[in-house]
Amino acid sequence: MLTGLVPLTVLVAACGDGATTRKAAADTAALAAGPQCVSPDTTPVGLAVRAFITTATPTPQRYLSAAGTDSAVPDDGFKVLQDKGPTYFYSSDPKAQAQIKAKLASVGPYASLLVVYRGKTETDNGNTVTVSLGGHYVGGEHDGKDAPTRQFTVRCDTTGWRLADTASTRSP
C-alpha cells in the first residue's frame, strides 16, 4: 500500500500552482531593482524642506510659499511647513505682498521665512534625488535677509528615504 502512495506524493509536489515560484521570481526582481521608497509620509522634497527650515538662521517661526508659481513648494513640502508652524501663501503682486506683511506684523514679531523651491533632479533610477531650496525672510527685523540656496541629496535605502548630503550655493 505504501508503494502506491510515494509516486502520488511526488506527483502532487511537482504539480504546484506556480504561485510560490512566481512570487519568488517577483521578489528577486524587486531586490535587483533596488529599494522602493513609496511612502507618502516621507518624500525627498519633504525631507529637504524639513532640513532647510530647521537649519535656517535665524530660526523661522512662520513660513511662506510662493503662490501659483514654479517656485511654490510642492504639496509634500508644504505639508511639512504646515506641520512646523503657521504657513501663508506669498504672492508675486506687490500689493498682496504689502497685505501679507501687514498681516504678519499684526500677529507678532516672529521670523517669517519664504521658502522657494528651485527644483529637483533624480538619478540612480529615481533612488537618489537632489532638491534645491532657497528663500528670504519677509517682514519684521529680518525683512529681506537671504536664506541661501541649498541642495539636499536624499537617497532611498532599505529603510526608506534618508537625507544623505547638503550643499550650499549662492542664491541667484
N, C-alpha and C. Protein backbone atom coordinates (compact mmCIF):
# COMPACT_ATOMS: atom_id res chain seq x y z
N MET A 1 0.82 -1.19 0.00
CA MET A 1 0.00 0.00 0.00
C MET A 1 0.87 1.26 0.00
N LEU A 2 1.97 1.29 0.70
CA LEU A 2 2.85 2.43 0.73
C LEU A 2 3.49 2.71 -0.62
N THR A 3 3.76 1.69 -1.40
CA THR A 3 4.42 1.90 -2.68
C THR A 3 3.57 2.73 -3.63
N GLY A 4 2.27 2.67 -3.59
CA GLY A 4 1.40 3.49 -4.43
C GLY A 4 1.31 4.93 -3.95
N LEU A 5 1.56 5.16 -2.68
CA LEU A 5 1.47 6.49 -2.10
C LEU A 5 2.68 7.37 -2.45
N VAL A 6 3.84 6.78 -2.55
CA VAL A 6 5.06 7.55 -2.82
C VAL A 6 5.00 8.22 -4.19
N PRO A 7 4.65 7.52 -5.28
CA PRO A 7 4.58 8.21 -6.57
C PRO A 7 3.52 9.33 -6.58
N LEU A 8 2.42 9.14 -5.87
CA LEU A 8 1.38 10.16 -5.81
C LEU A 8 1.90 11.41 -5.10
N THR A 9 2.66 11.26 -4.03
CA THR A 9 3.23 12.39 -3.30
C THR A 9 4.19 13.17 -4.19
N VAL A 10 5.03 12.48 -4.93
CA VAL A 10 5.97 13.13 -5.84
C VAL A 10 5.21 13.88 -6.92
N LEU A 11 4.15 13.28 -7.44
CA LEU A 11 3.34 13.91 -8.48
C LEU A 11 2.68 15.19 -7.96
N VAL A 12 2.11 15.17 -6.76
CA VAL A 12 1.46 16.34 -6.18
C VAL A 12 2.50 17.43 -5.93
N ALA A 13 3.67 17.12 -5.43
CA ALA A 13 4.71 18.10 -5.16
C ALA A 13 5.19 18.76 -6.45
N ALA A 14 5.24 18.01 -7.54
CA ALA A 14 5.72 18.54 -8.80
C ALA A 14 4.67 19.38 -9.52
N CYS A 15 3.42 19.28 -9.13
CA CYS A 15 2.34 19.97 -9.83
C CYS A 15 1.74 21.09 -8.99
N GLY A 16 2.56 21.92 -8.37
CA GLY A 16 2.05 23.06 -7.61
C GLY A 16 1.40 24.06 -8.55
N ASP A 17 0.73 25.07 -7.99
CA ASP A 17 0.03 26.04 -8.83
C ASP A 17 0.96 27.10 -9.41
N GLY A 18 2.22 27.12 -9.03
CA GLY A 18 3.18 28.07 -9.58
C GLY A 18 3.20 29.41 -8.87
N ALA A 19 2.26 29.66 -7.95
CA ALA A 19 2.19 30.95 -7.27
C ALA A 19 3.45 31.20 -6.45
N THR A 20 3.94 30.17 -5.79
CA THR A 20 5.13 30.33 -4.98
C THR A 20 6.33 30.67 -5.86
N THR A 21 6.44 30.01 -6.99
CA THR A 21 7.54 30.27 -7.92
C THR A 21 7.44 31.68 -8.49
N ARG A 22 6.24 32.12 -8.87
CA ARG A 22 6.06 33.47 -9.40
C ARG A 22 6.39 34.52 -8.34
N LYS A 23 5.96 34.30 -7.09
CA LYS A 23 6.26 35.26 -6.02
C LYS A 23 7.76 35.33 -5.78
N ALA A 24 8.43 34.21 -5.77
CA ALA A 24 9.89 34.20 -5.57
C ALA A 24 10.58 34.96 -6.70
N ALA A 25 10.11 34.78 -7.93
CA ALA A 25 10.70 35.49 -9.07
C ALA A 25 10.46 36.99 -8.95
N ALA A 26 9.26 37.39 -8.51
CA ALA A 26 8.94 38.81 -8.33
C ALA A 26 9.79 39.42 -7.22
N ASP A 27 9.98 38.68 -6.12
CA ASP A 27 10.82 39.16 -5.02
C ASP A 27 12.26 39.35 -5.47
N THR A 28 12.76 38.41 -6.28
CA THR A 28 14.12 38.51 -6.79
C THR A 28 14.26 39.72 -7.71
N ALA A 29 13.26 39.96 -8.55
CA ALA A 29 13.30 41.11 -9.46
C ALA A 29 13.26 42.42 -8.67
N ALA A 30 12.45 42.48 -7.61
CA ALA A 30 12.36 43.69 -6.79
C ALA A 30 13.70 43.97 -6.10
N LEU A 31 14.35 42.94 -5.60
CA LEU A 31 15.65 43.13 -4.97
C LEU A 31 16.68 43.62 -5.98
N ALA A 32 16.63 43.08 -7.20
CA ALA A 32 17.57 43.50 -8.23
C ALA A 32 17.32 44.95 -8.64
N ALA A 33 16.06 45.39 -8.61
CA ALA A 33 15.73 46.77 -9.00
C ALA A 33 16.15 47.78 -7.93
N GLY A 34 16.39 47.33 -6.73
CA GLY A 34 16.80 48.23 -5.65
C GLY A 34 15.66 48.50 -4.70
N PRO A 35 15.91 49.31 -3.68
CA PRO A 35 14.90 49.59 -2.66
C PRO A 35 13.74 50.41 -3.25
N GLN A 36 12.59 50.28 -2.66
CA GLN A 36 11.41 51.00 -3.09
C GLN A 36 10.97 51.97 -2.01
N CYS A 37 10.95 53.24 -2.32
CA CYS A 37 10.55 54.27 -1.36
C CYS A 37 9.28 54.92 -1.87
N VAL A 38 8.16 54.45 -1.42
CA VAL A 38 6.89 54.96 -1.93
C VAL A 38 5.95 55.41 -0.81
N SER A 39 6.50 55.83 0.31
CA SER A 39 5.66 56.29 1.41
C SER A 39 5.25 57.74 1.18
N PRO A 40 3.94 58.04 1.23
CA PRO A 40 3.52 59.43 1.05
C PRO A 40 3.90 60.31 2.25
N ASP A 41 4.24 59.71 3.37
CA ASP A 41 4.59 60.47 4.57
C ASP A 41 6.04 60.95 4.56
N THR A 42 6.90 60.26 3.83
CA THR A 42 8.30 60.64 3.77
C THR A 42 8.71 60.70 2.30
N THR A 43 8.96 61.90 1.82
CA THR A 43 9.36 62.10 0.43
C THR A 43 10.67 62.87 0.40
N PRO A 44 11.39 62.82 -0.73
CA PRO A 44 12.62 63.61 -0.82
C PRO A 44 12.37 65.10 -0.60
N VAL A 45 11.32 65.64 -1.19
CA VAL A 45 11.03 67.07 -1.02
C VAL A 45 10.69 67.37 0.44
N GLY A 46 9.88 66.53 1.05
CA GLY A 46 9.52 66.74 2.46
C GLY A 46 10.74 66.73 3.37
N LEU A 47 11.64 65.77 3.16
CA LEU A 47 12.85 65.70 3.99
C LEU A 47 13.74 66.92 3.76
N ALA A 48 13.85 67.35 2.49
CA ALA A 48 14.68 68.52 2.18
C ALA A 48 14.09 69.78 2.81
N VAL A 49 12.78 69.96 2.73
CA VAL A 49 12.15 71.14 3.32
C VAL A 49 12.37 71.15 4.83
N ARG A 50 12.18 70.02 5.47
CA ARG A 50 12.40 69.94 6.92
C ARG A 50 13.84 70.32 7.27
N ALA A 51 14.80 69.78 6.54
CA ALA A 51 16.21 70.10 6.81
C ALA A 51 16.49 71.58 6.55
N PHE A 52 15.91 72.14 5.50
CA PHE A 52 16.14 73.55 5.17
C PHE A 52 15.63 74.47 6.27
N ILE A 53 14.42 74.25 6.74
CA ILE A 53 13.85 75.17 7.73
C ILE A 53 14.41 74.96 9.13
N THR A 54 14.83 73.74 9.44
CA THR A 54 15.36 73.51 10.79
C THR A 54 16.80 73.98 10.93
N THR A 55 17.47 74.23 9.80
CA THR A 55 18.85 74.72 9.88
C THR A 55 18.96 76.19 9.48
N ALA A 56 17.84 76.82 9.15
CA ALA A 56 17.86 78.24 8.76
C ALA A 56 18.19 79.12 9.96
N THR A 57 18.92 80.21 9.67
CA THR A 57 19.28 81.17 10.71
C THR A 57 18.89 82.56 10.25
N PRO A 58 18.11 83.29 11.02
CA PRO A 58 17.52 82.94 12.31
C PRO A 58 16.44 81.86 12.14
N THR A 59 16.13 81.20 13.23
CA THR A 59 15.13 80.14 13.21
C THR A 59 13.77 80.71 12.84
N PRO A 60 13.19 80.23 11.72
CA PRO A 60 11.86 80.73 11.35
C PRO A 60 10.77 80.18 12.26
N GLN A 61 9.77 81.00 12.47
CA GLN A 61 8.63 80.59 13.29
C GLN A 61 7.34 80.59 12.50
N ARG A 62 7.40 81.18 11.30
CA ARG A 62 6.28 81.16 10.36
C ARG A 62 6.87 80.93 8.98
N TYR A 63 6.03 80.42 8.09
CA TYR A 63 6.52 80.02 6.77
C TYR A 63 5.62 80.56 5.68
N LEU A 64 6.26 80.87 4.55
CA LEU A 64 5.53 81.33 3.38
C LEU A 64 5.97 80.51 2.18
N SER A 65 5.06 80.35 1.23
CA SER A 65 5.38 79.68 -0.03
C SER A 65 4.82 80.52 -1.15
N ALA A 66 5.59 80.66 -2.21
CA ALA A 66 5.15 81.43 -3.37
C ALA A 66 3.87 80.80 -3.94
N ALA A 67 2.87 81.63 -4.15
CA ALA A 67 1.58 81.12 -4.63
C ALA A 67 1.53 81.13 -6.15
N GLY A 68 1.12 79.99 -6.73
CA GLY A 68 0.86 79.92 -8.16
C GLY A 68 2.05 80.09 -9.07
N THR A 69 3.24 79.75 -8.62
CA THR A 69 4.43 79.85 -9.46
C THR A 69 5.19 78.53 -9.42
N ASP A 70 6.19 78.39 -10.30
CA ASP A 70 7.01 77.19 -10.26
C ASP A 70 7.97 77.20 -9.07
N SER A 71 8.01 78.31 -8.34
CA SER A 71 8.82 78.41 -7.12
C SER A 71 8.06 77.97 -5.87
N ALA A 72 6.78 77.66 -6.03
CA ALA A 72 5.96 77.22 -4.89
C ALA A 72 6.47 75.87 -4.39
N VAL A 73 6.49 75.72 -3.10
CA VAL A 73 6.88 74.45 -2.51
C VAL A 73 5.83 73.40 -2.87
N PRO A 74 6.24 72.24 -3.43
CA PRO A 74 5.27 71.19 -3.76
C PRO A 74 4.46 70.75 -2.53
N ASP A 75 3.33 70.13 -2.78
CA ASP A 75 2.40 69.76 -1.71
C ASP A 75 3.04 69.00 -0.57
N ASP A 76 3.94 68.03 -0.87
CA ASP A 76 4.55 67.25 0.20
C ASP A 76 5.46 68.11 1.07
N GLY A 77 6.12 69.10 0.48
CA GLY A 77 6.94 70.04 1.26
C GLY A 77 6.09 71.06 1.99
N PHE A 78 4.99 71.48 1.36
CA PHE A 78 4.09 72.44 2.00
C PHE A 78 3.47 71.85 3.27
N LYS A 79 3.17 70.56 3.23
CA LYS A 79 2.63 69.88 4.41
C LYS A 79 3.65 69.94 5.57
N VAL A 80 4.92 69.80 5.25
CA VAL A 80 5.97 69.89 6.29
C VAL A 80 5.96 71.29 6.89
N LEU A 81 5.84 72.33 6.05
CA LEU A 81 5.77 73.70 6.56
C LEU A 81 4.58 73.86 7.51
N GLN A 82 3.42 73.36 7.10
CA GLN A 82 2.23 73.47 7.93
C GLN A 82 2.39 72.74 9.25
N ASP A 83 3.08 71.61 9.22
CA ASP A 83 3.30 70.84 10.44
C ASP A 83 4.23 71.57 11.42
N LYS A 84 5.13 72.41 10.88
CA LYS A 84 6.11 73.10 11.72
C LYS A 84 5.60 74.43 12.28
N GLY A 85 4.60 75.04 11.64
CA GLY A 85 4.12 76.32 12.16
C GLY A 85 3.15 76.99 11.20
N PRO A 86 2.68 78.19 11.57
CA PRO A 86 1.74 78.92 10.71
C PRO A 86 2.34 79.11 9.31
N THR A 87 1.53 78.86 8.30
CA THR A 87 2.01 78.90 6.93
C THR A 87 1.08 79.75 6.08
N TYR A 88 1.68 80.58 5.23
CA TYR A 88 0.92 81.52 4.39
C TYR A 88 1.37 81.40 2.94
N PHE A 89 0.49 81.79 2.02
CA PHE A 89 0.86 81.90 0.62
C PHE A 89 1.36 83.31 0.37
N TYR A 90 2.39 83.42 -0.45
CA TYR A 90 3.01 84.71 -0.75
C TYR A 90 2.87 84.97 -2.24
N SER A 91 2.30 86.10 -2.59
CA SER A 91 2.01 86.44 -3.98
C SER A 91 3.18 87.19 -4.61
N SER A 92 3.23 87.17 -5.93
CA SER A 92 4.22 87.97 -6.64
C SER A 92 3.73 89.41 -6.85
N ASP A 93 2.47 89.67 -6.53
CA ASP A 93 1.88 91.00 -6.66
C ASP A 93 2.32 91.89 -5.48
N PRO A 94 2.95 93.05 -5.75
CA PRO A 94 3.43 93.92 -4.66
C PRO A 94 2.33 94.35 -3.69
N LYS A 95 1.12 94.58 -4.18
CA LYS A 95 0.02 94.98 -3.30
C LYS A 95 -0.33 93.84 -2.33
N ALA A 96 -0.38 92.62 -2.85
CA ALA A 96 -0.67 91.46 -1.99
C ALA A 96 0.47 91.21 -1.01
N GLN A 97 1.70 91.46 -1.44
CA GLN A 97 2.85 91.30 -0.55
C GLN A 97 2.76 92.27 0.63
N ALA A 98 2.36 93.51 0.34
CA ALA A 98 2.20 94.50 1.42
C ALA A 98 1.12 94.04 2.40
N GLN A 99 0.05 93.44 1.87
CA GLN A 99 -1.03 92.95 2.75
C GLN A 99 -0.55 91.81 3.64
N ILE A 100 0.21 90.89 3.08
CA ILE A 100 0.68 89.77 3.90
C ILE A 100 1.69 90.26 4.94
N LYS A 101 2.54 91.23 4.58
CA LYS A 101 3.48 91.79 5.57
C LYS A 101 2.72 92.46 6.71
N ALA A 102 1.63 93.17 6.38
CA ALA A 102 0.82 93.81 7.43
C ALA A 102 0.17 92.74 8.31
N LYS A 103 -0.31 91.66 7.70
CA LYS A 103 -0.92 90.56 8.46
C LYS A 103 0.12 89.94 9.40
N LEU A 104 1.32 89.68 8.89
CA LEU A 104 2.38 89.09 9.71
C LEU A 104 2.74 90.01 10.88
N ALA A 105 2.83 91.31 10.62
CA ALA A 105 3.17 92.27 11.68
C ALA A 105 2.08 92.32 12.74
N SER A 106 0.83 92.16 12.32
CA SER A 106 -0.29 92.25 13.27
C SER A 106 -0.36 91.07 14.23
N VAL A 107 0.22 89.93 13.85
CA VAL A 107 0.14 88.75 14.72
C VAL A 107 1.43 88.50 15.50
N GLY A 108 2.40 89.41 15.39
CA GLY A 108 3.58 89.29 16.23
C GLY A 108 4.88 89.39 15.45
N PRO A 109 5.94 89.70 16.17
CA PRO A 109 7.25 89.91 15.54
C PRO A 109 8.06 88.62 15.37
N TYR A 110 7.49 87.65 14.70
CA TYR A 110 8.15 86.36 14.54
C TYR A 110 8.87 86.29 13.19
N ALA A 111 10.00 85.60 13.16
CA ALA A 111 10.75 85.43 11.91
C ALA A 111 9.91 84.61 10.93
N SER A 112 9.72 85.17 9.74
CA SER A 112 8.88 84.54 8.72
C SER A 112 9.71 84.26 7.48
N LEU A 113 9.85 82.99 7.13
CA LEU A 113 10.71 82.59 6.03
C LEU A 113 9.90 82.19 4.80
N LEU A 114 10.18 82.86 3.68
CA LEU A 114 9.61 82.46 2.39
C LEU A 114 10.52 81.36 1.84
N VAL A 115 9.98 80.15 1.70
CA VAL A 115 10.75 79.03 1.18
C VAL A 115 10.48 78.95 -0.32
N VAL A 116 11.56 78.97 -1.09
CA VAL A 116 11.47 78.97 -2.55
C VAL A 116 12.01 77.64 -3.08
N TYR A 117 11.16 76.94 -3.80
CA TYR A 117 11.53 75.66 -4.42
C TYR A 117 12.25 75.95 -5.73
N ARG A 118 13.44 75.39 -5.88
CA ARG A 118 14.23 75.64 -7.08
C ARG A 118 14.39 74.39 -7.95
N GLY A 119 13.63 73.35 -7.62
CA GLY A 119 13.62 72.15 -8.46
C GLY A 119 14.29 70.96 -7.82
N LYS A 120 14.20 69.84 -8.57
CA LYS A 120 14.84 68.61 -8.11
C LYS A 120 15.34 67.84 -9.32
N THR A 121 16.35 67.03 -9.09
CA THR A 121 16.86 66.13 -10.13
C THR A 121 16.93 64.73 -9.54
N GLU A 122 16.64 63.75 -10.38
CA GLU A 122 16.67 62.35 -9.95
C GLU A 122 17.77 61.62 -10.69
N THR A 123 18.49 60.75 -9.99
CA THR A 123 19.50 59.88 -10.59
C THR A 123 19.33 58.49 -9.99
N ASP A 124 20.14 57.55 -10.46
CA ASP A 124 20.14 56.19 -9.90
C ASP A 124 18.73 55.58 -9.97
N ASN A 125 18.10 55.68 -11.14
CA ASN A 125 16.74 55.15 -11.33
C ASN A 125 15.73 55.73 -10.36
N GLY A 126 15.92 56.98 -9.96
CA GLY A 126 15.00 57.63 -9.04
C GLY A 126 15.28 57.37 -7.58
N ASN A 127 16.33 56.61 -7.28
CA ASN A 127 16.66 56.29 -5.89
C ASN A 127 17.51 57.35 -5.22
N THR A 128 17.98 58.33 -5.97
CA THR A 128 18.72 59.46 -5.42
C THR A 128 18.09 60.73 -6.00
N VAL A 129 17.69 61.64 -5.12
CA VAL A 129 17.03 62.87 -5.54
C VAL A 129 17.75 64.04 -4.89
N THR A 130 18.08 65.05 -5.70
CA THR A 130 18.67 66.27 -5.17
C THR A 130 17.64 67.38 -5.28
N VAL A 131 17.28 67.96 -4.14
CA VAL A 131 16.26 69.01 -4.07
C VAL A 131 16.96 70.32 -3.75
N SER A 132 16.64 71.38 -4.52
CA SER A 132 17.21 72.71 -4.28
C SER A 132 16.15 73.63 -3.68
N LEU A 133 16.52 74.29 -2.58
CA LEU A 133 15.62 75.21 -1.89
C LEU A 133 16.40 76.47 -1.51
N GLY A 134 15.71 77.58 -1.51
CA GLY A 134 16.30 78.84 -1.08
C GLY A 134 15.19 79.70 -0.50
N GLY A 135 15.44 80.99 -0.36
CA GLY A 135 14.39 81.88 0.10
C GLY A 135 14.92 83.13 0.76
N HIS A 136 14.03 83.82 1.44
CA HIS A 136 14.40 85.00 2.21
C HIS A 136 13.32 85.28 3.26
N TYR A 137 13.71 86.10 4.23
CA TYR A 137 12.81 86.44 5.31
C TYR A 137 11.91 87.59 4.87
N VAL A 138 10.66 87.56 5.34
CA VAL A 138 9.66 88.55 4.96
C VAL A 138 9.13 89.24 6.22
N GLY A 139 9.22 90.56 6.22
CA GLY A 139 8.69 91.33 7.34
C GLY A 139 9.60 91.32 8.55
N GLY A 140 9.26 92.17 9.50
CA GLY A 140 9.99 92.22 10.77
C GLY A 140 11.44 92.66 10.63
N GLU A 141 12.20 92.40 11.66
CA GLU A 141 13.59 92.86 11.69
C GLU A 141 14.50 92.15 10.68
N HIS A 142 14.09 91.01 10.16
CA HIS A 142 14.91 90.25 9.21
C HIS A 142 14.44 90.41 7.77
N ASP A 143 13.54 91.36 7.53
CA ASP A 143 12.96 91.54 6.20
C ASP A 143 14.05 91.64 5.13
N GLY A 144 13.94 90.76 4.12
CA GLY A 144 14.89 90.76 3.01
C GLY A 144 16.14 89.94 3.23
N LYS A 145 16.38 89.47 4.46
CA LYS A 145 17.58 88.65 4.72
C LYS A 145 17.50 87.38 3.90
N ASP A 146 18.58 87.07 3.23
CA ASP A 146 18.66 85.91 2.35
C ASP A 146 18.77 84.61 3.14
N ALA A 147 18.11 83.58 2.65
CA ALA A 147 18.31 82.21 3.11
C ALA A 147 18.95 81.51 1.92
N PRO A 148 20.27 81.34 1.93
CA PRO A 148 20.99 80.86 0.74
C PRO A 148 20.42 79.56 0.18
N THR A 149 20.52 79.45 -1.14
CA THR A 149 20.08 78.23 -1.82
C THR A 149 20.96 77.07 -1.38
N ARG A 150 20.29 75.95 -1.08
CA ARG A 150 21.00 74.74 -0.66
C ARG A 150 20.43 73.56 -1.42
N GLN A 151 21.30 72.61 -1.70
CA GLN A 151 20.89 71.36 -2.33
C GLN A 151 20.93 70.25 -1.29
N PHE A 152 19.87 69.49 -1.24
CA PHE A 152 19.75 68.37 -0.30
C PHE A 152 19.66 67.08 -1.11
N THR A 153 20.62 66.19 -0.91
CA THR A 153 20.61 64.90 -1.58
C THR A 153 19.92 63.89 -0.66
N VAL A 154 18.90 63.26 -1.21
CA VAL A 154 18.11 62.30 -0.45
C VAL A 154 18.19 60.96 -1.19
N ARG A 155 18.49 59.90 -0.46
CA ARG A 155 18.63 58.57 -1.08
C ARG A 155 17.64 57.59 -0.49
N CYS A 156 17.21 56.69 -1.35
CA CYS A 156 16.34 55.59 -0.93
C CYS A 156 17.23 54.41 -0.58
N ASP A 157 17.05 53.89 0.64
CA ASP A 157 17.76 52.68 1.02
C ASP A 157 16.73 51.67 1.54
N THR A 158 17.19 50.62 2.14
CA THR A 158 16.28 49.57 2.58
C THR A 158 15.32 50.02 3.68
N THR A 159 15.60 51.16 4.31
CA THR A 159 14.73 51.65 5.38
C THR A 159 13.85 52.81 4.95
N GLY A 160 14.00 53.28 3.71
CA GLY A 160 13.19 54.39 3.21
C GLY A 160 14.07 55.55 2.76
N TRP A 161 13.46 56.72 2.59
CA TRP A 161 14.21 57.92 2.18
C TRP A 161 15.04 58.43 3.34
N ARG A 162 16.30 58.79 3.07
CA ARG A 162 17.21 59.31 4.08
C ARG A 162 17.99 60.49 3.50
N LEU A 163 18.14 61.54 4.29
CA LEU A 163 18.95 62.68 3.90
C LEU A 163 20.40 62.23 3.85
N ALA A 164 21.06 62.42 2.72
CA ALA A 164 22.42 61.93 2.55
C ALA A 164 23.45 63.04 2.57
N ASP A 165 23.12 64.21 1.98
CA ASP A 165 24.13 65.25 1.83
C ASP A 165 23.46 66.60 1.66
N THR A 166 24.17 67.65 2.05
CA THR A 166 23.68 69.02 1.90
C THR A 166 24.81 69.88 1.37
N ALA A 167 24.49 70.72 0.42
CA ALA A 167 25.49 71.65 -0.12
C ALA A 167 24.85 73.02 -0.25
N SER A 168 25.63 74.05 0.02
CA SER A 168 25.14 75.44 -0.12
C SER A 168 25.70 76.03 -1.40
N THR A 169 24.90 76.89 -2.01
CA THR A 169 25.34 77.62 -3.19
C THR A 169 24.92 79.06 -3.01
N ARG A 170 25.36 79.90 -3.88
CA ARG A 170 24.94 81.30 -3.84
C ARG A 170 23.56 81.41 -4.45
N SER A 171 22.72 82.22 -3.88
CA SER A 171 21.40 82.46 -4.43
C SER A 171 21.52 83.25 -5.72
N PRO A 172 20.68 82.92 -6.71
CA PRO A 172 20.72 83.66 -7.97
C PRO A 172 20.20 85.06 -7.81
